Amino acid sequence: MHRMTIQYGQPSDAEAFDARYQGEHVALAQALPGLRRFTTSHPRALRGEAPYFVAELWFDDAASMKAAMKSPEMAATAAHAEGFDASMSIFTGEVVEAV
């Protein structure tokens, strides 16, 4: 599995951010080709600082994620995300089960 993680910093209007994310952005992200799992959370820090909001997009493999990243659906999703009033960090990686 490969995962794309998007971390958002504290928005100036948290209520508006949440409403726009849930009301508009979720549907855009769910349309990504090859998406297997999509999770969101408002994390709480145990130590240090936590981002305001985290989204995780899961794909079967690197090729599926790469194809999604080049898709028109991702272009629309990314353009919509640029309208959020919050800093954003995005990273990807292979998910390895620790046993």
N, C-alpha and C. Protein backbone atom coordinates (compact mmCIF):
# COMPACT_ATOMS: atom_id res chain seq x y z
N MET A 1 0.84 -1.17 0.00
CA MET A 1 0.00 0.00 0.00
C MET A 1 0.89 1.25 0.00
N HIS A 2 0.39 2.28 -0.64
CA HIS A 2 1.04 3.59 -0.62
C HIS A 2 0.05 4.61 -0.08
N ARG A 3 0.56 5.55 0.69
CA ARG A 3 -0.32 6.52 1.33
C ARG A 3 0.19 7.94 1.06
N MET A 4 -0.77 8.82 0.77
CA MET A 4 -0.49 10.24 0.69
C MET A 4 -1.12 10.86 1.94
N THR A 5 -0.32 11.63 2.66
CA THR A 5 -0.80 12.28 3.88
C THR A 5 -0.77 13.78 3.67
N ILE A 6 -1.87 14.45 4.01
CA ILE A 6 -1.97 15.90 3.92
C ILE A 6 -2.26 16.42 5.31
N GLN A 7 -1.37 17.30 5.80
CA GLN A 7 -1.55 17.90 7.11
C GLN A 7 -1.85 19.38 6.93
N TYR A 8 -2.90 19.84 7.58
CA TYR A 8 -3.31 21.24 7.52
C TYR A 8 -3.01 21.91 8.85
N GLY A 9 -2.47 23.12 8.78
CA GLY A 9 -2.27 23.92 9.98
C GLY A 9 -3.58 24.55 10.43
N GLN A 10 -3.52 25.25 11.53
CA GLN A 10 -4.71 25.90 12.10
C GLN A 10 -5.27 26.95 11.14
N PRO A 11 -6.51 26.78 10.69
CA PRO A 11 -7.12 27.80 9.82
C PRO A 11 -7.58 28.99 10.66
N SER A 12 -7.75 30.12 10.01
CA SER A 12 -8.24 31.30 10.74
C SER A 12 -9.69 31.13 11.17
N ASP A 13 -10.47 30.35 10.42
CA ASP A 13 -11.87 30.07 10.76
C ASP A 13 -12.07 28.55 10.68
N ALA A 14 -11.90 27.88 11.81
CA ALA A 14 -11.97 26.42 11.85
C ALA A 14 -13.34 25.90 11.42
N GLU A 15 -14.39 26.57 11.82
CA GLU A 15 -15.74 26.12 11.46
C GLU A 15 -15.95 26.17 9.95
N ALA A 16 -15.50 27.24 9.32
CA ALA A 16 -15.63 27.38 7.86
C ALA A 16 -14.76 26.33 7.15
N PHE A 17 -13.55 26.10 7.65
CA PHE A 17 -12.67 25.08 7.08
C PHE A 17 -13.36 23.72 7.10
N ASP A 18 -13.85 23.33 8.27
CA ASP A 18 -14.49 22.02 8.42
C ASP A 18 -15.71 21.88 7.51
N ALA A 19 -16.52 22.91 7.44
CA ALA A 19 -17.73 22.86 6.61
C ALA A 19 -17.36 22.72 5.13
N ARG A 20 -16.37 23.48 4.67
CA ARG A 20 -15.97 23.42 3.26
C ARG A 20 -15.30 22.08 2.96
N TYR A 21 -14.48 21.59 3.89
CA TYR A 21 -13.80 20.31 3.67
C TYR A 21 -14.83 19.19 3.54
N GLN A 22 -15.73 19.11 4.52
CA GLN A 22 -16.72 18.03 4.51
C GLN A 22 -17.76 18.22 3.41
N GLY A 23 -18.16 19.45 3.16
CA GLY A 23 -19.23 19.71 2.21
C GLY A 23 -18.82 19.72 0.75
N GLU A 24 -17.52 19.95 0.48
CA GLU A 24 -17.07 20.05 -0.91
C GLU A 24 -15.86 19.16 -1.21
N HIS A 25 -14.85 19.23 -0.36
CA HIS A 25 -13.57 18.60 -0.68
C HIS A 25 -13.62 17.08 -0.62
N VAL A 26 -14.35 16.53 0.33
CA VAL A 26 -14.42 15.08 0.47
C VAL A 26 -14.89 14.42 -0.82
N ALA A 27 -15.92 14.96 -1.44
CA ALA A 27 -16.44 14.37 -2.69
C ALA A 27 -15.40 14.40 -3.80
N LEU A 28 -14.62 15.47 -3.86
CA LEU A 28 -13.56 15.56 -4.87
C LEU A 28 -12.51 14.47 -4.64
N ALA A 29 -12.08 14.33 -3.40
CA ALA A 29 -11.04 13.34 -3.08
C ALA A 29 -11.55 11.92 -3.31
N GLN A 30 -12.80 11.67 -2.97
CA GLN A 30 -13.35 10.32 -3.14
C GLN A 30 -13.43 9.90 -4.60
N ALA A 31 -13.38 10.85 -5.52
CA ALA A 31 -13.45 10.54 -6.95
C ALA A 31 -12.09 10.19 -7.55
N LEU A 32 -11.02 10.24 -6.76
CA LEU A 32 -9.69 9.95 -7.29
C LEU A 32 -9.60 8.51 -7.79
N PRO A 33 -9.08 8.30 -8.99
CA PRO A 33 -8.96 6.93 -9.51
C PRO A 33 -7.98 6.12 -8.67
N GLY A 34 -8.36 4.89 -8.37
CA GLY A 34 -7.48 3.99 -7.64
C GLY A 34 -7.49 4.18 -6.13
N LEU A 35 -8.26 5.11 -5.62
CA LEU A 35 -8.31 5.35 -4.18
C LEU A 35 -8.94 4.15 -3.48
N ARG A 36 -8.25 3.61 -2.48
CA ARG A 36 -8.75 2.44 -1.76
C ARG A 36 -9.30 2.81 -0.39
N ARG A 37 -8.75 3.86 0.20
CA ARG A 37 -9.16 4.24 1.55
C ARG A 37 -8.91 5.74 1.70
N PHE A 38 -9.79 6.41 2.41
CA PHE A 38 -9.67 7.85 2.62
C PHE A 38 -10.10 8.13 4.05
N THR A 39 -9.16 8.61 4.87
CA THR A 39 -9.48 8.89 6.27
C THR A 39 -9.12 10.34 6.60
N THR A 40 -9.84 10.89 7.57
CA THR A 40 -9.54 12.23 8.07
C THR A 40 -9.57 12.22 9.58
N SER A 41 -8.86 13.17 10.18
CA SER A 41 -8.87 13.27 11.64
C SER A 41 -8.46 14.66 12.08
N HIS A 42 -8.88 14.99 13.29
CA HIS A 42 -8.43 16.18 14.01
C HIS A 42 -7.54 15.63 15.13
N PRO A 43 -6.23 15.51 14.90
CA PRO A 43 -5.38 14.87 15.91
C PRO A 43 -5.18 15.74 17.16
N ARG A 44 -4.85 15.08 18.24
CA ARG A 44 -4.51 15.76 19.49
C ARG A 44 -3.07 15.41 19.82
N ALA A 45 -2.28 16.40 20.14
CA ALA A 45 -0.87 16.18 20.42
C ALA A 45 -0.69 15.50 21.77
N LEU A 46 0.19 14.53 21.82
CA LEU A 46 0.60 13.93 23.08
C LEU A 46 1.87 14.62 23.58
N ARG A 47 2.63 15.16 22.63
CA ARG A 47 3.84 15.90 22.93
C ARG A 47 4.09 16.82 21.74
N GLY A 48 4.52 18.02 21.97
CA GLY A 48 4.75 18.95 20.87
C GLY A 48 3.43 19.45 20.31
N GLU A 49 3.43 19.79 19.03
CA GLU A 49 2.24 20.32 18.39
C GLU A 49 1.72 19.36 17.33
N ALA A 50 0.41 19.28 17.23
CA ALA A 50 -0.23 18.46 16.19
C ALA A 50 -0.82 19.38 15.14
N PRO A 51 -0.92 18.91 13.91
CA PRO A 51 -1.62 19.70 12.90
C PRO A 51 -3.09 19.83 13.28
N TYR A 52 -3.76 20.79 12.69
CA TYR A 52 -5.19 20.97 12.95
C TYR A 52 -5.99 19.80 12.38
N PHE A 53 -5.61 19.35 11.17
CA PHE A 53 -6.41 18.36 10.45
C PHE A 53 -5.48 17.51 9.60
N VAL A 54 -5.79 16.23 9.47
CA VAL A 54 -4.99 15.30 8.66
C VAL A 54 -5.91 14.48 7.78
N ALA A 55 -5.53 14.37 6.51
CA ALA A 55 -6.23 13.50 5.57
C ALA A 55 -5.23 12.47 5.05
N GLU A 56 -5.68 11.23 4.90
CA GLU A 56 -4.83 10.17 4.37
C GLU A 56 -5.55 9.50 3.20
N LEU A 57 -4.84 9.42 2.08
CA LEU A 57 -5.35 8.80 0.86
C LEU A 57 -4.51 7.55 0.61
N TRP A 58 -5.16 6.41 0.54
CA TRP A 58 -4.47 5.12 0.41
C TRP A 58 -4.69 4.55 -0.98
N PHE A 59 -3.61 4.00 -1.55
CA PHE A 59 -3.63 3.39 -2.88
C PHE A 59 -2.95 2.02 -2.80
N ASP A 60 -3.28 1.13 -3.75
CA ASP A 60 -2.72 -0.22 -3.74
C ASP A 60 -1.21 -0.23 -3.84
N ASP A 61 -0.65 0.65 -4.68
CA ASP A 61 0.79 0.64 -4.91
C ASP A 61 1.23 2.00 -5.46
N ALA A 62 2.53 2.13 -5.67
CA ALA A 62 3.10 3.40 -6.15
C ALA A 62 2.54 3.77 -7.53
N ALA A 63 2.36 2.79 -8.38
CA ALA A 63 1.85 3.06 -9.73
C ALA A 63 0.43 3.62 -9.68
N SER A 64 -0.40 3.07 -8.81
CA SER A 64 -1.78 3.56 -8.67
C SER A 64 -1.79 4.99 -8.13
N MET A 65 -0.93 5.26 -7.17
CA MET A 65 -0.88 6.60 -6.60
C MET A 65 -0.35 7.59 -7.63
N LYS A 66 0.66 7.19 -8.38
CA LYS A 66 1.22 8.07 -9.42
C LYS A 66 0.17 8.38 -10.48
N ALA A 67 -0.60 7.39 -10.89
CA ALA A 67 -1.66 7.61 -11.88
C ALA A 67 -2.70 8.57 -11.34
N ALA A 68 -3.07 8.41 -10.07
CA ALA A 68 -4.05 9.32 -9.46
C ALA A 68 -3.51 10.73 -9.40
N MET A 69 -2.23 10.88 -9.11
CA MET A 69 -1.63 12.21 -8.99
C MET A 69 -1.62 12.95 -10.33
N LYS A 70 -1.62 12.21 -11.42
CA LYS A 70 -1.60 12.82 -12.76
C LYS A 70 -3.01 12.98 -13.35
N SER A 71 -4.02 12.60 -12.61
CA SER A 71 -5.39 12.59 -13.14
C SER A 71 -6.06 13.96 -13.08
N PRO A 72 -7.07 14.17 -13.93
CA PRO A 72 -7.85 15.40 -13.86
C PRO A 72 -8.57 15.55 -12.51
N GLU A 73 -8.94 14.42 -11.91
CA GLU A 73 -9.59 14.46 -10.60
C GLU A 73 -8.66 15.02 -9.53
N MET A 74 -7.37 14.63 -9.61
CA MET A 74 -6.40 15.16 -8.64
C MET A 74 -6.16 16.65 -8.90
N ALA A 75 -6.14 17.05 -10.16
CA ALA A 75 -5.97 18.47 -10.47
C ALA A 75 -7.10 19.28 -9.86
N ALA A 76 -8.32 18.78 -9.97
CA ALA A 76 -9.48 19.48 -9.39
C ALA A 76 -9.41 19.49 -7.87
N THR A 77 -9.02 18.37 -7.28
CA THR A 77 -8.90 18.27 -5.82
C THR A 77 -7.82 19.21 -5.30
N ALA A 78 -6.68 19.23 -5.97
CA ALA A 78 -5.58 20.10 -5.55
C ALA A 78 -5.95 21.58 -5.70
N ALA A 79 -6.62 21.92 -6.79
CA ALA A 79 -7.04 23.32 -6.99
C ALA A 79 -8.00 23.75 -5.88
N HIS A 80 -8.90 22.87 -5.51
CA HIS A 80 -9.85 23.18 -4.44
C HIS A 80 -9.11 23.35 -3.11
N ALA A 81 -8.12 22.50 -2.85
CA ALA A 81 -7.37 22.58 -1.59
C ALA A 81 -6.60 23.89 -1.46
N GLU A 82 -6.19 24.45 -2.58
CA GLU A 82 -5.46 25.72 -2.54
C GLU A 82 -6.33 26.84 -1.98
N GLY A 83 -7.63 26.67 -1.99
CA GLY A 83 -8.54 27.68 -1.47
C GLY A 83 -8.72 27.65 0.04
N PHE A 84 -8.14 26.65 0.71
CA PHE A 84 -8.26 26.59 2.16
C PHE A 84 -7.33 27.61 2.80
N ASP A 85 -7.81 28.22 3.86
CA ASP A 85 -7.04 29.20 4.61
C ASP A 85 -6.27 28.49 5.72
N ALA A 86 -5.33 27.62 5.32
CA ALA A 86 -4.53 26.87 6.28
C ALA A 86 -3.26 26.43 5.57
N SER A 87 -2.17 26.39 6.31
CA SER A 87 -0.93 25.86 5.72
C SER A 87 -1.14 24.37 5.44
N MET A 88 -0.34 23.84 4.53
CA MET A 88 -0.53 22.46 4.11
C MET A 88 0.84 21.81 3.89
N SER A 89 1.00 20.60 4.42
CA SER A 89 2.17 19.76 4.15
C SER A 89 1.66 18.47 3.54
N ILE A 90 2.33 18.02 2.48
CA ILE A 90 1.91 16.79 1.80
C ILE A 90 3.12 15.88 1.68
N PHE A 91 2.94 14.61 2.03
CA PHE A 91 4.02 13.65 1.84
C PHE A 91 3.42 12.29 1.51
N THR A 92 4.23 11.46 0.87
CA THR A 92 3.78 10.13 0.46
C THR A 92 4.79 9.10 0.92
N GLY A 93 4.37 7.85 0.92
CA GLY A 93 5.30 6.79 1.24
C GLY A 93 4.64 5.42 1.19
N GLU A 94 5.48 4.42 1.08
CA GLU A 94 5.00 3.04 1.14
C GLU A 94 4.68 2.72 2.59
N VAL A 95 3.56 2.05 2.81
CA VAL A 95 3.16 1.65 4.15
C VAL A 95 3.70 0.24 4.37
N VAL A 96 4.49 0.06 5.41
CA VAL A 96 5.08 -1.23 5.73
C VAL A 96 4.51 -1.69 7.06
N GLU A 97 3.96 -2.87 7.08
CA GLU A 97 3.42 -3.44 8.33
C GLU A 97 4.58 -3.85 9.22
N ALA A 98 4.59 -3.37 10.43
CA ALA A 98 5.61 -3.77 11.41
C ALA A 98 5.09 -4.98 12.18
N VAL A 99 5.90 -6.00 12.22
CA VAL A 99 5.48 -7.21 12.93
C VAL A 99 6.45 -7.55 14.02
